[in-house]
């Protein structure tokens, strides 16, 4: 089996409000709106986030966004009004910060320090 794309699905109750928040978080509008109840951001080769309107599942998702420059990513998000709280990781192998979207879905930014990041 060859996997060519990974799509992280996030359920939300209000697609329009969620689109505005993720546009602010990611600094760009959705790359694709395949239907009125969905929106997608293509973030890396083969990796995307898809919002889908589903009130019954809303607020219980998690998406982890791996970044190469942790401080710059947090500063960019803060500049757009999204504050992430850094989490202490005992192993010291990762830097991690979290926030939640308005629906309560967890958004995690992480940097793997084992891969040369500092």
Protein backbone atom coordinates (compact mmCIF):
# COMPACT_ATOMS: atom_id res chain seq x y z
CA UNK A 1 0.00 0.00 0.00
CA UNK A 2 1.28 3.45 -0.93
CA UNK A 3 -0.34 6.38 0.84
CA UNK A 4 -0.08 9.55 -1.21
CA UNK A 5 -2.03 12.02 0.92
CA UNK A 6 -3.09 12.43 4.53
CA UNK A 7 -6.15 14.51 5.37
CA UNK A 8 -6.74 15.48 9.01
CA UNK A 9 -10.49 15.86 9.48
CA UNK A 10 -11.83 18.35 12.03
CA UNK A 11 -15.57 18.36 12.76
CA UNK A 12 -17.19 21.72 13.51
CA UNK A 13 -20.74 22.86 14.18
CA UNK A 14 -20.44 26.20 12.34
CA UNK A 15 -18.41 25.87 9.13
CA UNK A 16 -18.35 29.61 8.35
CA UNK A 17 -17.06 30.61 11.80
CA UNK A 18 -14.53 27.77 11.73
CA UNK A 19 -13.29 28.78 8.28
CA UNK A 20 -12.66 32.34 9.53
CA UNK A 21 -10.73 31.05 12.57
CA UNK A 22 -8.57 28.61 10.56
CA UNK A 23 -7.90 31.32 7.96
CA UNK A 24 -6.58 33.45 10.79
CA UNK A 25 -4.55 30.58 12.30
CA UNK A 26 -3.02 29.49 8.99
CA UNK A 27 -2.68 32.94 7.47
CA UNK A 28 -4.54 32.13 4.26
CA UNK A 29 -7.99 31.27 2.96
CA UNK A 30 -8.96 27.65 2.32
CA UNK A 31 -7.27 26.10 -0.70
CA UNK A 32 -10.40 24.19 -1.62
CA UNK A 33 -14.08 24.29 -0.69
CA UNK A 34 -15.32 20.99 -2.11
CA UNK A 35 -18.86 21.61 -0.81
CA UNK A 36 -20.71 24.18 1.30
CA UNK A 37 -20.12 22.14 4.47
CA UNK A 38 -16.35 21.60 4.03
CA UNK A 39 -13.10 23.50 3.54
CA UNK A 40 -9.51 22.32 3.03
CA UNK A 41 -6.05 23.76 3.57
CA UNK A 42 -3.18 22.02 1.78
CA UNK A 43 -0.22 22.59 4.08
CA UNK A 44 2.60 20.27 3.06
CA UNK A 45 3.32 17.70 0.39
CA UNK A 46 0.52 15.22 0.93
CA UNK A 47 -0.82 16.79 4.14
CA UNK A 48 -4.05 18.73 4.55
CA UNK A 49 -6.63 19.84 7.10
CA UNK A 50 -10.28 19.45 6.21
CA UNK A 51 -13.05 21.09 8.19
CA UNK A 52 -16.44 19.45 7.91
CA UNK A 53 -19.70 20.58 9.39
CA UNK A 54 -20.91 17.87 11.78
CA UNK A 55 -22.42 19.21 15.01
CA UNK A 56 -22.58 15.76 16.63
CA UNK A 57 -18.78 15.27 16.40
CA UNK A 58 -17.70 18.92 16.72
CA UNK A 59 -15.06 19.88 19.28
CA UNK A 60 -13.48 16.47 19.83
CA UNK A 61 -10.68 16.54 17.26
CA UNK A 62 -6.95 17.16 17.37
CA UNK A 63 -4.59 18.29 14.65
CA UNK A 64 -0.81 18.41 15.12
CA UNK A 65 1.09 20.84 12.90
CA UNK A 66 4.81 20.08 12.82
CA UNK A 67 6.90 23.18 12.19
CA UNK A 68 10.57 23.74 11.44
CA UNK A 69 10.86 27.03 13.35
CA UNK A 70 8.78 26.87 16.53
CA UNK A 71 9.36 30.44 17.71
CA UNK A 72 8.57 31.89 14.29
CA UNK A 73 5.38 29.81 13.98
CA UNK A 74 4.13 30.95 17.39
CA UNK A 75 5.03 34.57 16.61
CA UNK A 76 3.16 34.40 13.28
CA UNK A 77 0.07 32.94 14.96
CA UNK A 78 0.24 35.56 17.74
CA UNK A 79 0.51 38.29 15.11
CA UNK A 80 -2.82 37.06 13.73
CA UNK A 81 -4.41 37.02 17.20
CA UNK A 82 -4.01 33.28 17.93
CA UNK A 83 -2.12 32.64 21.17
CA UNK A 84 -0.64 29.19 21.75
CA UNK A 85 0.47 28.03 25.20
CA UNK A 86 3.78 26.19 25.31
CA UNK A 87 3.67 22.81 27.05
CA UNK A 88 6.70 21.43 28.90
CA UNK A 89 7.75 18.06 27.47
CA UNK A 90 9.90 16.16 30.03
CA UNK A 91 11.94 14.28 27.39
CA UNK A 92 13.22 17.53 25.90
CA UNK A 93 12.89 16.00 22.43
CA UNK A 94 10.05 18.24 21.30
CA UNK A 95 8.74 21.75 21.69
CA UNK A 96 4.96 21.79 21.85
CA UNK A 97 2.34 24.53 22.11
CA UNK A 98 -1.43 24.21 22.04
CA UNK A 99 -4.59 26.19 21.50
CA UNK A 100 -8.19 25.29 20.83
CA UNK A 101 -10.41 26.45 18.02
CA UNK A 102 -13.75 28.04 18.94
CA UNK A 103 -15.42 24.61 18.83
CA UNK A 104 -12.91 23.10 21.30
CA UNK A 105 -10.82 21.09 18.82
CA UNK A 106 -7.19 20.93 19.97
CA UNK A 107 -4.57 22.48 17.69
CA UNK A 108 -0.97 21.53 18.46
CA UNK A 109 2.18 23.07 17.03
CA UNK A 110 5.29 20.95 17.53
CA UNK A 111 8.94 20.96 16.60
CA UNK A 112 10.99 17.76 16.73
CA UNK A 113 14.30 18.82 18.30
CA UNK A 114 15.90 15.48 17.38
CA UNK A 115 15.86 16.60 13.73
CA UNK A 116 18.21 19.52 14.20
CA UNK A 117 15.73 22.06 15.55
CA UNK A 118 16.67 24.10 18.60
